[in-house]
N, C-alpha and C. Protein backbone atom coordinates (compact mmCIF):
# COMPACT_ATOMS: atom_id res chain seq x y z
N UNK A 1 16.33 -9.05 13.44
CA UNK A 1 15.35 -9.83 12.99
C UNK A 1 14.21 -9.23 12.43
N UNK A 2 13.82 -9.71 11.12
CA UNK A 2 12.64 -9.06 10.38
C UNK A 2 11.28 -9.19 11.16
N UNK A 3 10.56 -7.88 11.37
CA UNK A 3 9.32 -8.06 11.88
C UNK A 3 8.36 -8.51 10.85
N UNK A 4 7.56 -9.44 11.13
CA UNK A 4 6.58 -10.22 10.24
C UNK A 4 5.26 -9.18 10.22
N UNK A 5 4.82 -8.93 9.02
CA UNK A 5 3.39 -8.25 8.82
C UNK A 5 2.45 -9.41 9.06
N UNK A 6 1.33 -9.06 10.07
CA UNK A 6 0.24 -10.03 10.18
C UNK A 6 -1.07 -9.61 9.54
N UNK A 7 -1.36 -8.32 9.33
CA UNK A 7 -2.51 -7.74 8.79
C UNK A 7 -2.32 -6.76 7.71
N UNK A 8 -3.24 -7.05 6.60
CA UNK A 8 -3.10 -6.23 5.41
C UNK A 8 -4.42 -5.86 5.04
N UNK A 9 -4.78 -4.52 4.66
CA UNK A 9 -5.97 -4.14 4.01
C UNK A 9 -5.76 -3.99 2.73
N UNK A 10 -6.67 -4.33 1.78
CA UNK A 10 -6.50 -4.36 0.27
C UNK A 10 -7.67 -3.62 -0.28
N UNK A 11 -7.40 -2.93 -1.41
CA UNK A 11 -8.47 -2.22 -2.28
C UNK A 11 -7.96 -2.19 -3.54
N UNK A 12 -9.05 -2.15 -4.61
CA UNK A 12 -8.68 -1.76 -5.82
C UNK A 12 -9.81 -1.20 -6.61
N UNK A 13 -9.66 -0.65 -7.74
CA UNK A 13 -10.62 -0.23 -8.63
C UNK A 13 -10.91 -1.48 -9.60
N UNK A 14 -11.69 -1.15 -10.70
CA UNK A 14 -11.85 -2.07 -11.70
C UNK A 14 -10.52 -2.56 -12.50
N UNK A 15 -9.64 -1.58 -12.61
CA UNK A 15 -8.40 -1.98 -13.32
C UNK A 15 -7.48 -2.80 -12.41
N UNK A 16 -7.63 -2.81 -11.27
CA UNK A 16 -6.81 -3.59 -10.40
C UNK A 16 -7.32 -4.63 -9.86
N UNK A 17 -8.61 -5.01 -10.17
CA UNK A 17 -9.31 -6.02 -9.54
C UNK A 17 -8.70 -7.40 -9.78
N UNK A 18 -8.31 -7.73 -10.78
CA UNK A 18 -7.51 -9.01 -11.18
C UNK A 18 -6.49 -9.22 -10.21
N UNK A 19 -5.57 -8.24 -10.18
CA UNK A 19 -4.32 -8.32 -9.39
C UNK A 19 -4.59 -8.38 -7.91
N UNK A 20 -5.51 -7.68 -7.55
CA UNK A 20 -6.01 -7.55 -6.24
C UNK A 20 -6.33 -8.94 -5.71
N UNK A 21 -7.14 -9.71 -6.42
CA UNK A 21 -7.70 -11.01 -6.13
C UNK A 21 -6.51 -12.03 -5.88
N UNK A 22 -5.53 -11.86 -6.90
CA UNK A 22 -4.23 -12.63 -6.68
C UNK A 22 -3.40 -12.24 -5.53
N UNK A 23 -3.39 -10.97 -5.13
CA UNK A 23 -2.72 -10.38 -4.03
C UNK A 23 -3.27 -11.10 -2.78
N UNK A 24 -4.59 -11.10 -2.63
CA UNK A 24 -5.37 -11.64 -1.51
C UNK A 24 -4.80 -13.24 -1.35
N UNK A 25 -4.84 -13.96 -2.36
CA UNK A 25 -4.33 -15.28 -2.41
C UNK A 25 -2.94 -15.45 -1.86
N UNK A 26 -1.99 -14.62 -2.35
CA UNK A 26 -0.63 -14.62 -2.14
C UNK A 26 -0.45 -14.32 -0.66
N UNK A 27 -1.07 -13.25 -0.05
CA UNK A 27 -1.05 -12.86 1.38
C UNK A 27 -1.56 -14.11 2.16
N UNK A 28 -2.67 -14.66 1.81
CA UNK A 28 -3.23 -15.76 2.72
C UNK A 28 -2.36 -16.93 2.73
N UNK A 29 -1.56 -17.19 1.59
CA UNK A 29 -0.69 -18.29 1.50
C UNK A 29 0.45 -18.11 2.46
N UNK A 30 0.71 -16.86 2.87
CA UNK A 30 1.78 -16.44 3.82
C UNK A 30 1.36 -16.43 5.11
N UNK A 31 0.10 -16.78 5.37
CA UNK A 31 -0.53 -16.66 6.76
C UNK A 31 -0.85 -15.30 7.30
N UNK A 32 -1.05 -14.34 6.26
CA UNK A 32 -1.34 -12.97 6.60
C UNK A 32 -2.87 -12.75 6.52
N UNK A 33 -3.42 -12.18 7.54
CA UNK A 33 -4.81 -11.84 7.47
C UNK A 33 -5.13 -10.79 6.73
N UNK A 34 -6.17 -10.80 5.85
CA UNK A 34 -6.46 -9.73 4.86
C UNK A 34 -7.82 -9.37 5.10
N UNK A 35 -8.01 -7.93 5.03
CA UNK A 35 -9.47 -7.30 5.11
C UNK A 35 -9.37 -6.72 3.60
N UNK A 36 -10.50 -7.08 2.86
CA UNK A 36 -10.64 -6.53 1.46
C UNK A 36 -11.78 -5.70 1.38
N UNK A 37 -11.53 -4.51 0.98
CA UNK A 37 -12.51 -3.48 0.75
C UNK A 37 -13.00 -3.40 -0.74
N UNK A 38 -12.72 -4.21 -1.53
CA UNK A 38 -13.39 -4.24 -2.74
C UNK A 38 -12.27 -3.59 -3.84
N UNK A 39 -12.52 -3.39 -4.96
CA UNK A 39 -13.76 -3.77 -5.70
C UNK A 39 -14.32 -5.24 -5.81
N UNK A 40 -15.26 -5.56 -6.03
CA UNK A 40 -15.69 -6.93 -6.19
C UNK A 40 -16.00 -7.38 -7.44
N UNK A 41 -15.55 -6.66 -8.47
CA UNK A 41 -15.63 -7.17 -10.00
C UNK A 41 -14.80 -6.21 -10.64
N UNK A 42 -14.67 -6.47 -12.05
CA UNK A 42 -13.94 -5.59 -12.98
C UNK A 42 -14.95 -4.60 -13.48
N UNK A 43 -16.10 -4.48 -13.12
CA UNK A 43 -16.87 -3.43 -13.51
C UNK A 43 -16.40 -2.07 -13.15
N UNK A 44 -16.60 -1.09 -13.97
CA UNK A 44 -16.22 0.32 -13.67
C UNK A 44 -16.58 0.90 -12.23
N UNK A 45 -15.52 1.44 -11.61
CA UNK A 45 -15.84 1.84 -10.18
C UNK A 45 -14.79 3.01 -9.94
N UNK A 46 -14.88 3.66 -8.78
CA UNK A 46 -14.10 4.90 -8.46
C UNK A 46 -13.07 4.50 -7.55
N UNK A 47 -11.89 4.68 -7.86
CA UNK A 47 -10.78 4.26 -6.95
C UNK A 47 -10.73 5.01 -5.64
N UNK A 48 -11.11 6.23 -5.46
CA UNK A 48 -11.01 6.92 -4.31
C UNK A 48 -11.87 6.21 -3.12
N UNK A 49 -12.98 5.70 -3.44
CA UNK A 49 -13.87 4.96 -2.47
C UNK A 49 -12.98 3.77 -1.73
N UNK A 50 -12.12 2.95 -2.48
CA UNK A 50 -11.41 1.95 -1.91
C UNK A 50 -10.23 2.53 -1.24
N UNK A 51 -9.58 3.68 -1.90
CA UNK A 51 -8.26 4.06 -1.14
C UNK A 51 -8.63 4.67 0.26
N UNK A 52 -9.71 5.27 0.29
CA UNK A 52 -10.09 6.01 1.62
C UNK A 52 -10.39 4.81 2.57
N UNK A 53 -11.25 3.76 2.18
CA UNK A 53 -11.45 2.62 3.19
C UNK A 53 -10.10 2.05 3.61
N UNK A 54 -9.14 1.70 2.81
CA UNK A 54 -7.91 1.11 3.17
C UNK A 54 -7.07 2.00 3.97
N UNK A 55 -6.92 3.33 3.43
CA UNK A 55 -6.18 4.25 4.25
C UNK A 55 -6.78 4.40 5.60
N UNK A 56 -8.04 4.53 5.82
CA UNK A 56 -8.67 4.89 7.00
C UNK A 56 -8.37 3.53 8.11
N UNK A 57 -8.51 2.36 7.54
CA UNK A 57 -8.15 1.27 8.29
C UNK A 57 -6.73 1.25 8.89
N UNK A 58 -5.79 1.49 7.96
CA UNK A 58 -4.32 1.61 8.20
C UNK A 58 -4.17 2.77 9.38
N UNK A 59 -4.73 3.91 9.16
CA UNK A 59 -4.65 5.02 10.04
C UNK A 59 -5.14 4.64 11.49
N UNK A 60 -6.33 4.02 11.54
CA UNK A 60 -7.01 3.55 12.80
C UNK A 60 -6.21 2.42 13.42
N UNK A 61 -5.29 1.85 12.79
CA UNK A 61 -4.35 0.80 13.33
C UNK A 61 -5.14 -0.64 13.28
N UNK A 62 -6.03 -0.69 12.55
CA UNK A 62 -6.77 -1.99 12.34
C UNK A 62 -6.28 -2.80 11.18
N UNK A 63 -5.22 -2.44 10.51
CA UNK A 63 -4.35 -3.16 9.62
C UNK A 63 -2.92 -2.51 9.85
N UNK A 64 -1.93 -3.38 9.77
CA UNK A 64 -0.59 -2.82 9.78
C UNK A 64 -0.20 -2.23 8.60
N UNK A 65 -0.46 -2.65 7.36
CA UNK A 65 -0.28 -2.05 6.10
C UNK A 65 -1.38 -2.27 5.13
N UNK A 66 -1.40 -1.41 4.09
CA UNK A 66 -2.37 -1.52 2.92
C UNK A 66 -1.79 -1.71 1.78
N UNK A 67 -2.47 -2.40 0.86
CA UNK A 67 -2.05 -2.54 -0.62
C UNK A 67 -3.12 -2.08 -1.51
N UNK A 68 -2.91 -1.00 -2.43
CA UNK A 68 -3.88 -0.78 -3.20
C UNK A 68 -3.56 -0.92 -4.83
N UNK A 69 -4.46 -1.28 -5.60
CA UNK A 69 -4.19 -1.38 -7.02
C UNK A 69 -5.11 -0.80 -7.84
N UNK A 70 -4.57 0.04 -8.71
CA UNK A 70 -5.48 0.71 -9.78
C UNK A 70 -4.68 0.50 -11.11
N UNK A 71 -5.17 1.23 -12.08
CA UNK A 71 -4.23 1.14 -13.38
C UNK A 71 -2.77 1.47 -13.32
N UNK A 72 -2.59 2.73 -12.41
CA UNK A 72 -1.22 3.16 -12.38
C UNK A 72 -0.83 3.34 -11.06
N UNK A 73 -1.63 3.21 -10.08
CA UNK A 73 -1.15 3.43 -8.65
C UNK A 73 -1.24 4.92 -8.19
N UNK A 74 -1.38 5.78 -9.17
CA UNK A 74 -1.29 7.10 -8.89
C UNK A 74 -2.36 7.67 -8.11
N UNK A 75 -3.56 7.35 -8.48
CA UNK A 75 -4.75 8.00 -8.01
C UNK A 75 -5.00 7.32 -6.57
N UNK A 76 -4.76 6.14 -6.63
CA UNK A 76 -4.81 5.42 -5.07
C UNK A 76 -3.94 6.08 -4.18
N UNK A 77 -2.70 6.40 -4.57
CA UNK A 77 -1.69 6.78 -3.56
C UNK A 77 -2.15 8.31 -3.11
N UNK A 78 -2.60 9.07 -4.20
CA UNK A 78 -3.07 10.50 -3.97
C UNK A 78 -4.19 10.35 -2.78
N UNK A 79 -5.23 9.70 -3.11
CA UNK A 79 -6.37 9.53 -2.29
C UNK A 79 -5.85 9.06 -0.76
N UNK A 80 -5.08 8.04 -0.90
CA UNK A 80 -4.64 7.40 0.47
C UNK A 80 -3.93 8.46 1.33
N UNK A 81 -3.22 9.37 0.75
CA UNK A 81 -2.23 10.16 1.44
C UNK A 81 -2.94 11.30 1.90
N UNK A 82 -4.31 11.46 1.83
CA UNK A 82 -5.04 12.48 2.29
C UNK A 82 -5.26 12.17 3.86
N UNK A 83 -5.15 10.92 4.19
CA UNK A 83 -5.40 10.56 5.60
C UNK A 83 -4.13 10.72 6.55
N UNK A 84 -4.36 11.52 7.60
CA UNK A 84 -3.11 11.73 8.55
C UNK A 84 -2.72 10.38 8.98
N UNK A 85 -1.40 10.26 9.03
CA UNK A 85 -0.72 9.13 9.51
C UNK A 85 -0.43 7.97 8.37
N UNK A 86 -1.00 8.19 7.18
CA UNK A 86 -0.79 7.33 6.14
C UNK A 86 0.31 7.81 5.15
N UNK A 87 1.26 6.91 4.83
CA UNK A 87 2.29 7.30 3.92
C UNK A 87 2.19 6.22 2.81
N UNK A 88 1.48 6.58 1.86
CA UNK A 88 1.24 5.58 0.74
C UNK A 88 2.32 6.09 -0.27
N UNK A 89 3.05 4.86 -0.73
CA UNK A 89 4.03 5.07 -1.72
C UNK A 89 3.54 4.24 -3.06
N UNK A 90 3.53 5.10 -4.24
CA UNK A 90 3.23 4.47 -5.49
C UNK A 90 4.61 3.91 -6.20
N UNK A 91 4.72 2.75 -6.28
CA UNK A 91 5.84 1.96 -6.46
C UNK A 91 5.93 1.17 -7.69
N UNK A 92 7.03 1.17 -8.47
CA UNK A 92 7.13 0.57 -9.69
C UNK A 92 8.31 -0.36 -9.73
N UNK A 93 9.05 -0.47 -8.59
CA UNK A 93 10.35 -1.22 -8.48
C UNK A 93 10.65 -1.79 -7.31
N UNK A 94 11.46 -2.95 -7.13
CA UNK A 94 11.58 -3.52 -5.80
C UNK A 94 12.42 -2.62 -5.06
N UNK A 95 13.40 -1.80 -5.54
CA UNK A 95 14.31 -1.09 -4.88
C UNK A 95 13.41 0.16 -4.33
N UNK A 96 12.33 0.66 -4.97
CA UNK A 96 11.52 1.79 -4.45
C UNK A 96 10.53 1.12 -3.35
N UNK A 97 10.15 -0.12 -3.44
CA UNK A 97 9.49 -0.63 -2.46
C UNK A 97 10.24 -0.77 -1.07
N UNK A 98 11.36 -1.27 -1.25
CA UNK A 98 12.30 -1.34 -0.10
C UNK A 98 12.62 0.00 0.56
N UNK A 99 12.88 0.89 -0.24
CA UNK A 99 13.26 2.25 0.36
C UNK A 99 12.01 3.05 0.89
N UNK A 100 10.89 2.83 0.33
CA UNK A 100 9.60 3.38 0.82
C UNK A 100 9.38 3.07 2.30
N UNK A 101 9.78 1.78 2.56
CA UNK A 101 9.60 1.13 3.89
C UNK A 101 10.84 1.68 4.83
N UNK A 102 12.05 1.43 4.32
CA UNK A 102 13.19 1.58 5.16
C UNK A 102 13.43 3.04 5.35
N UNK A 103 13.09 4.04 4.43
CA UNK A 103 13.39 5.39 4.65
C UNK A 103 12.27 6.23 4.88
N UNK A 104 11.12 5.86 4.34
CA UNK A 104 9.91 6.83 4.59
C UNK A 104 8.71 6.17 5.45
N UNK A 105 9.05 4.94 6.02
CA UNK A 105 8.15 4.32 6.88
C UNK A 105 6.70 4.15 6.21
N UNK A 106 6.67 3.92 4.92
CA UNK A 106 5.27 3.73 4.08
C UNK A 106 4.63 2.78 4.79
N UNK A 107 3.32 2.82 4.90
CA UNK A 107 2.31 1.91 5.40
C UNK A 107 1.36 1.57 4.40
N UNK A 108 1.32 2.03 3.29
CA UNK A 108 0.51 1.60 2.08
C UNK A 108 1.19 1.68 0.83
N UNK A 109 1.11 0.52 0.14
CA UNK A 109 1.64 0.21 -1.10
C UNK A 109 0.83 0.40 -2.15
N UNK A 110 0.92 1.28 -3.15
CA UNK A 110 0.06 1.42 -4.29
C UNK A 110 0.79 1.08 -5.48
N UNK A 111 0.15 0.25 -6.29
CA UNK A 111 0.87 -0.40 -7.50
C UNK A 111 -0.23 -0.18 -8.83
N UNK A 112 0.45 -0.17 -9.98
CA UNK A 112 -0.45 -0.01 -10.99
C UNK A 112 -0.40 -1.36 -11.98
N UNK A 113 -1.53 -1.95 -12.06
CA UNK A 113 -1.73 -3.12 -12.95
C UNK A 113 -1.40 -3.05 -14.36
N UNK A 114 -1.49 -1.82 -14.87
CA UNK A 114 -1.21 -1.57 -16.17
C UNK A 114 0.25 -1.31 -16.66
N UNK A 115 1.06 -1.25 -15.43
CA UNK A 115 2.44 -0.76 -15.55
C UNK A 115 3.43 -1.92 -15.26
N UNK A 116 2.95 -3.19 -14.93
CA UNK A 116 3.77 -4.15 -14.51
C UNK A 116 3.17 -5.40 -14.61
N UNK A 117 4.12 -6.54 -14.98
CA UNK A 117 3.46 -7.73 -15.04
C UNK A 117 3.16 -8.23 -13.59
N UNK A 118 2.45 -9.40 -13.49
CA UNK A 118 1.95 -10.10 -12.19
C UNK A 118 3.33 -10.40 -11.50
N UNK A 119 4.20 -11.05 -12.13
CA UNK A 119 5.36 -11.46 -11.54
C UNK A 119 6.20 -10.25 -10.85
N UNK A 120 6.30 -9.15 -11.49
CA UNK A 120 6.99 -8.05 -10.95
C UNK A 120 6.17 -7.44 -9.67
N UNK A 121 4.84 -7.49 -9.84
CA UNK A 121 3.99 -7.06 -8.78
C UNK A 121 4.35 -8.06 -7.59
N UNK A 122 4.43 -9.24 -7.69
CA UNK A 122 4.71 -10.15 -6.58
C UNK A 122 6.15 -9.69 -5.98
N UNK A 123 6.99 -9.53 -6.85
CA UNK A 123 8.33 -9.07 -6.37
C UNK A 123 8.25 -7.79 -5.43
N UNK A 124 7.56 -6.93 -6.02
CA UNK A 124 7.43 -5.74 -5.18
C UNK A 124 6.72 -5.87 -3.82
N UNK A 125 5.60 -6.59 -3.89
CA UNK A 125 4.79 -6.76 -2.80
C UNK A 125 5.94 -7.48 -1.53
N UNK A 126 6.52 -8.64 -1.92
CA UNK A 126 7.30 -9.23 -1.18
C UNK A 126 8.46 -8.38 -0.61
N UNK A 127 8.99 -7.47 -1.43
CA UNK A 127 9.89 -6.57 -0.88
C UNK A 127 9.42 -5.51 0.04
N UNK A 128 8.18 -5.01 -0.21
CA UNK A 128 7.47 -3.89 0.60
C UNK A 128 7.39 -4.77 1.90
N UNK A 129 6.70 -5.93 2.07
CA UNK A 129 6.28 -6.57 3.18
C UNK A 129 7.62 -7.18 4.09
N UNK A 130 8.73 -7.28 3.42
CA UNK A 130 9.78 -7.62 4.11
C UNK A 130 10.85 -6.74 4.73
N UNK A 131 10.52 -5.37 4.13
CA UNK A 131 11.33 -4.35 4.53
C UNK A 131 11.00 -3.69 5.87
N UNK A 132 11.96 -3.01 6.51
CA UNK A 132 11.63 -2.48 7.91
C UNK A 132 12.12 -0.93 7.78
N UNK A 133 11.35 -0.17 8.46
CA UNK A 133 11.78 1.12 8.78
C UNK A 133 12.89 1.21 9.39
N UNK A 134 14.08 2.02 9.10
CA UNK A 134 15.22 2.08 9.73
C UNK A 134 15.46 3.07 10.87
N UNK A 135 14.34 3.94 10.86
CA UNK A 135 14.44 4.85 12.17
C UNK A 135 15.62 5.92 11.88
N UNK A 136 16.28 6.26 13.09
CA UNK A 136 17.35 7.11 13.06
C UNK A 136 17.14 8.36 12.28
N UNK A 137 18.06 8.93 11.49
CA UNK A 137 17.91 10.10 10.74
C UNK A 137 16.61 10.21 9.99
N UNK A 138 16.10 9.01 9.49
CA UNK A 138 14.83 8.88 8.68
C UNK A 138 13.61 9.16 9.52
N UNK A 139 13.57 8.89 10.90
CA UNK A 139 12.49 9.37 11.83
C UNK A 139 12.33 10.79 11.73
N UNK A 140 13.22 11.50 11.80
CA UNK A 140 13.26 12.96 11.94
C UNK A 140 12.37 13.47 10.64
N UNK A 141 12.76 12.92 9.44
CA UNK A 141 12.17 13.47 8.30
C UNK A 141 10.72 12.99 8.24
N UNK A 142 10.52 11.70 8.57
CA UNK A 142 9.10 11.25 8.61
C UNK A 142 8.19 12.08 9.61
N UNK A 143 8.76 12.52 10.77
CA UNK A 143 7.93 13.29 11.53
C UNK A 143 7.60 14.76 10.93
N UNK A 144 8.38 15.06 10.09
CA UNK A 144 8.14 16.48 9.40
C UNK A 144 7.00 16.25 8.24
N UNK A 145 6.65 14.97 7.95
CA UNK A 145 5.67 14.87 6.83
C UNK A 145 4.15 15.41 7.28
N UNK A 146 3.83 15.33 8.49
CA UNK A 146 2.56 15.81 9.02
C UNK A 146 2.71 17.30 9.57
N UNK A 147 3.87 17.75 9.67
CA UNK A 147 4.08 19.08 10.31
C UNK A 147 4.14 20.22 9.08
N UNK A 148 2.93 20.36 8.44
CA UNK A 148 2.73 21.39 7.36
C UNK A 148 2.63 22.72 7.94
N UNK A 149 3.48 23.57 7.31
CA UNK A 149 3.54 24.96 7.77
C UNK A 149 2.49 25.70 6.97
N UNK A 150 1.63 26.53 7.59
CA UNK A 150 0.74 27.35 6.80
C UNK A 150 1.43 28.58 6.40
N UNK A 151 1.24 29.04 5.22
CA UNK A 151 1.92 30.24 4.74
C UNK A 151 1.32 31.59 5.42
């Protein structure tokens, strides 16, 4: 049986603001509690500020997953992945969304509003939220993510 996601932290910069607002509505319509860290408008802003808020919330266990939106998703995922315990995946397809959860235990989804239609974003979000980590051989690999060897 699929484990249901109950809490999501969201964040965007100016480029992702419109999609983030729609994502909040989508999540709430599914009965999911949302904590929104901004941006609060489409005025120019700095994506790391929001990525760090969302990633910190997920790392602290205050939200099960996070969803970040910027122009490409790249900057958001880079910033979020600076937090121990966060596995942010920059995703552009439903297959990647599912695999990020099933194989990599991704707990933050980053998408690019400039790279996909709203309809595609919805498909990706729904796939990400419905997929579950498979564990097994994948757990061994996920455990190695934080195990950085110093030269």
